[in-house]
N, C-alpha and C. Protein backbone atom coordinates (compact mmCIF):
# COMPACT_ATOMS: atom_id res chain seq x y z
N MET A 1 0.77 -1.48 -0.17
CA MET A 1 -0.04 -0.22 0.12
C MET A 1 1.30 0.77 -0.05
N THR A 2 0.56 2.04 -0.43
CA THR A 2 1.12 3.28 -0.88
C THR A 2 0.31 4.75 -0.56
N LEU A 3 1.03 5.42 -0.75
CA LEU A 3 0.12 6.95 0.37
C LEU A 3 0.55 8.13 -1.07
N ASN A 4 -0.57 8.81 -1.09
CA ASN A 4 -0.11 9.87 -2.58
C ASN A 4 0.24 10.97 -0.96
N LYS A 5 0.94 12.07 -2.08
CA LYS A 5 1.25 13.36 -1.50
C LYS A 5 0.41 13.72 -0.28
N ASN A 6 -0.78 13.87 -0.64
CA ASN A 6 -1.87 14.65 0.46
C ASN A 6 -1.66 13.67 1.51
N GLU A 7 -2.16 12.63 1.48
CA GLU A 7 -2.00 11.36 2.74
C GLU A 7 -0.02 11.68 3.25
N LEU A 8 0.41 11.80 2.86
CA LEU A 8 2.03 12.31 3.18
C LEU A 8 2.21 13.31 4.07
N LYS A 9 1.41 14.38 4.00
CA LYS A 9 1.55 15.54 4.42
C LYS A 9 0.74 15.86 5.62
N MET A 10 -0.21 14.58 5.54
CA MET A 10 -1.42 14.98 6.83
C MET A 10 -0.63 13.81 7.77
N ILE A 11 0.09 13.15 7.90
CA ILE A 11 0.93 12.42 9.14
C ILE A 11 2.08 13.03 10.11
N LYS A 12 1.61 13.13 11.32
CA LYS A 12 1.97 13.60 11.98
C LYS A 12 3.29 12.85 12.80
N ALA A 13 4.35 13.88 13.22
CA ALA A 13 5.20 12.84 13.55
C ALA A 13 5.38 13.36 15.58
N GLY A 14 5.73 12.14 15.93
CA GLY A 14 6.00 12.27 17.67
C GLY A 14 7.19 13.21 17.93
N ALA A 15 7.38 14.15 17.53
CA ALA A 15 8.72 15.25 18.03
C ALA A 15 8.44 15.74 18.97
N SER A 16 7.47 15.71 20.15
CA SER A 16 7.05 17.18 21.26
C SER A 16 7.77 16.01 21.91
N ILE A 17 8.40 17.11 22.99
CA ILE A 17 9.46 16.89 23.93
C ILE A 17 8.27 16.69 25.35
N SER A 18 8.69 14.86 25.88
CA SER A 18 7.83 14.49 26.69
C SER A 18 7.82 15.10 28.56
N ALA A 19 7.16 14.57 29.19
CA ALA A 19 7.44 14.71 30.72
C ALA A 19 8.67 14.17 30.83
N THR A 20 8.39 12.71 30.62
CA THR A 20 9.65 11.71 30.79
C THR A 20 11.40 12.45 30.24
N LEU A 21 11.02 12.74 29.40
CA LEU A 21 12.51 13.31 28.57
C LEU A 21 12.65 14.49 29.30
N LEU A 22 12.11 15.31 29.88
CA LEU A 22 12.42 16.32 30.58
C LEU A 22 12.65 16.11 31.73
N ASN A 23 11.68 15.52 32.59
CA ASN A 23 12.30 14.82 33.52
C ASN A 23 13.83 14.38 34.04
N ALA A 24 13.91 13.61 32.52
CA ALA A 24 15.66 12.44 32.39
C ALA A 24 16.25 13.99 32.95
N LEU A 25 16.46 15.03 31.73
CA LEU A 25 17.09 15.79 31.57
C LEU A 25 17.58 16.64 32.36
N ILE A 26 16.28 17.13 33.27
CA ILE A 26 16.69 17.06 34.81
C ILE A 26 17.22 17.14 35.75
N LYS A 27 16.88 15.86 35.76
CA LYS A 27 17.71 14.94 36.54
C LYS A 27 19.12 14.78 36.14
N GLY A 28 19.75 15.05 34.72
CA GLY A 28 21.15 14.37 34.43
C GLY A 28 22.34 16.02 35.11
N PHE A 29 21.06 16.98 34.47
CA PHE A 29 21.81 18.22 34.75
C PHE A 29 21.91 18.73 36.00
N THR A 30 21.35 18.11 37.47
CA THR A 30 21.49 17.92 38.46
C THR A 30 22.57 17.09 38.80
N THR A 31 22.35 16.05 38.51
CA THR A 31 23.55 15.00 39.05
C THR A 31 24.88 15.56 38.58
N PHE A 32 25.28 16.39 36.99
CA PHE A 32 26.38 16.90 36.98
C PHE A 32 26.40 17.90 37.58
N MET A 33 25.68 18.93 38.16
CA MET A 33 25.70 20.03 39.28
C MET A 33 26.71 19.50 40.41
N ASP A 34 25.96 18.15 40.73
CA ASP A 34 26.41 18.08 42.23
C ASP A 34 27.48 17.17 42.27
N VAL A 35 28.18 16.68 41.45
CA VAL A 35 29.01 16.16 41.10
C VAL A 35 30.04 17.98 40.63
N GLY A 36 29.96 18.41 40.12
CA GLY A 36 31.13 19.92 40.30
C GLY A 36 30.85 20.35 41.69
N ARG A 37 29.73 20.31 42.40
CA ARG A 37 29.84 20.99 44.05
C ARG A 37 31.11 20.14 44.82
N TYR A 38 30.67 18.77 44.57
CA TYR A 38 31.73 18.24 45.32
C TYR A 38 32.80 18.19 44.88
N LEU A 39 33.40 17.65 43.79
CA LEU A 39 34.51 17.79 43.28
C LEU A 39 35.35 19.62 43.65
N GLY A 40 34.33 20.53 43.31
CA GLY A 40 34.82 21.43 44.18
C GLY A 40 35.45 22.00 45.20
N SER A 41 34.09 21.35 45.97
CA SER A 41 34.11 21.34 47.57
C SER A 41 36.25 20.37 48.42
N SER A 42 36.05 19.59 47.53
CA SER A 42 36.89 18.25 47.98
C SER A 42 38.91 19.26 47.51
N ILE A 43 38.07 19.60 46.21
CA ILE A 43 39.83 20.64 46.27
C ILE A 43 39.79 21.65 46.58
N ARG A 44 38.65 22.21 46.89
CA ARG A 44 38.88 23.36 47.96
C ARG A 44 39.77 22.91 49.71
N ARG A 45 38.92 21.93 49.79
CA ARG A 45 39.56 21.83 51.16
C ARG A 45 41.25 20.80 50.77
N LEU A 46 41.02 20.52 50.37
CA LEU A 46 42.36 19.73 49.73
C LEU A 46 43.43 20.78 50.18
N PHE A 47 43.40 21.93 49.30
CA PHE A 47 44.44 22.71 48.76
C PHE A 47 44.57 24.42 49.64
N GLY A 48 43.06 24.34 50.33
CA GLY A 48 43.38 24.82 51.69
C GLY A 48 43.34 24.27 53.01
N ASN A 49 43.99 22.70 53.44
CA ASN A 49 44.13 22.44 54.67
C ASN A 49 43.41 22.32 55.15
N SER A 50 42.34 22.15 54.90
CA SER A 50 41.31 22.28 56.36
C SER A 50 40.34 20.51 56.08
N ALA A 51 41.20 19.51 55.61
CA ALA A 51 40.42 18.23 55.20
C ALA A 51 40.70 17.91 57.35
N CYS A 52 40.24 16.54 57.57
CA CYS A 52 40.34 15.95 58.40
C CYS A 52 41.67 14.65 58.38
N PRO A 53 42.14 15.06 59.92
CA PRO A 53 43.75 14.25 59.60
C PRO A 53 42.94 12.99 59.41
N LEU A 54 44.31 12.04 58.93
CA LEU A 54 44.07 10.73 58.54
C LEU A 54 44.19 9.77 59.91
N ASP A 55 44.82 10.40 61.00
CA ASP A 55 45.43 9.61 62.22
C ASP A 55 44.45 9.48 63.18
């Protein structure tokens, strides 16, 4: 079965942003920010000599 040009123009694709996709993007961004925050805090403690002693 083939479609003619008019029928092909009427096809709507599913190119919308769903709530699941949006939630995944926000979670990924939040995780990325948290890793950066933890890494920055660790570097600041290491070079600022404010880390807890290991003894």
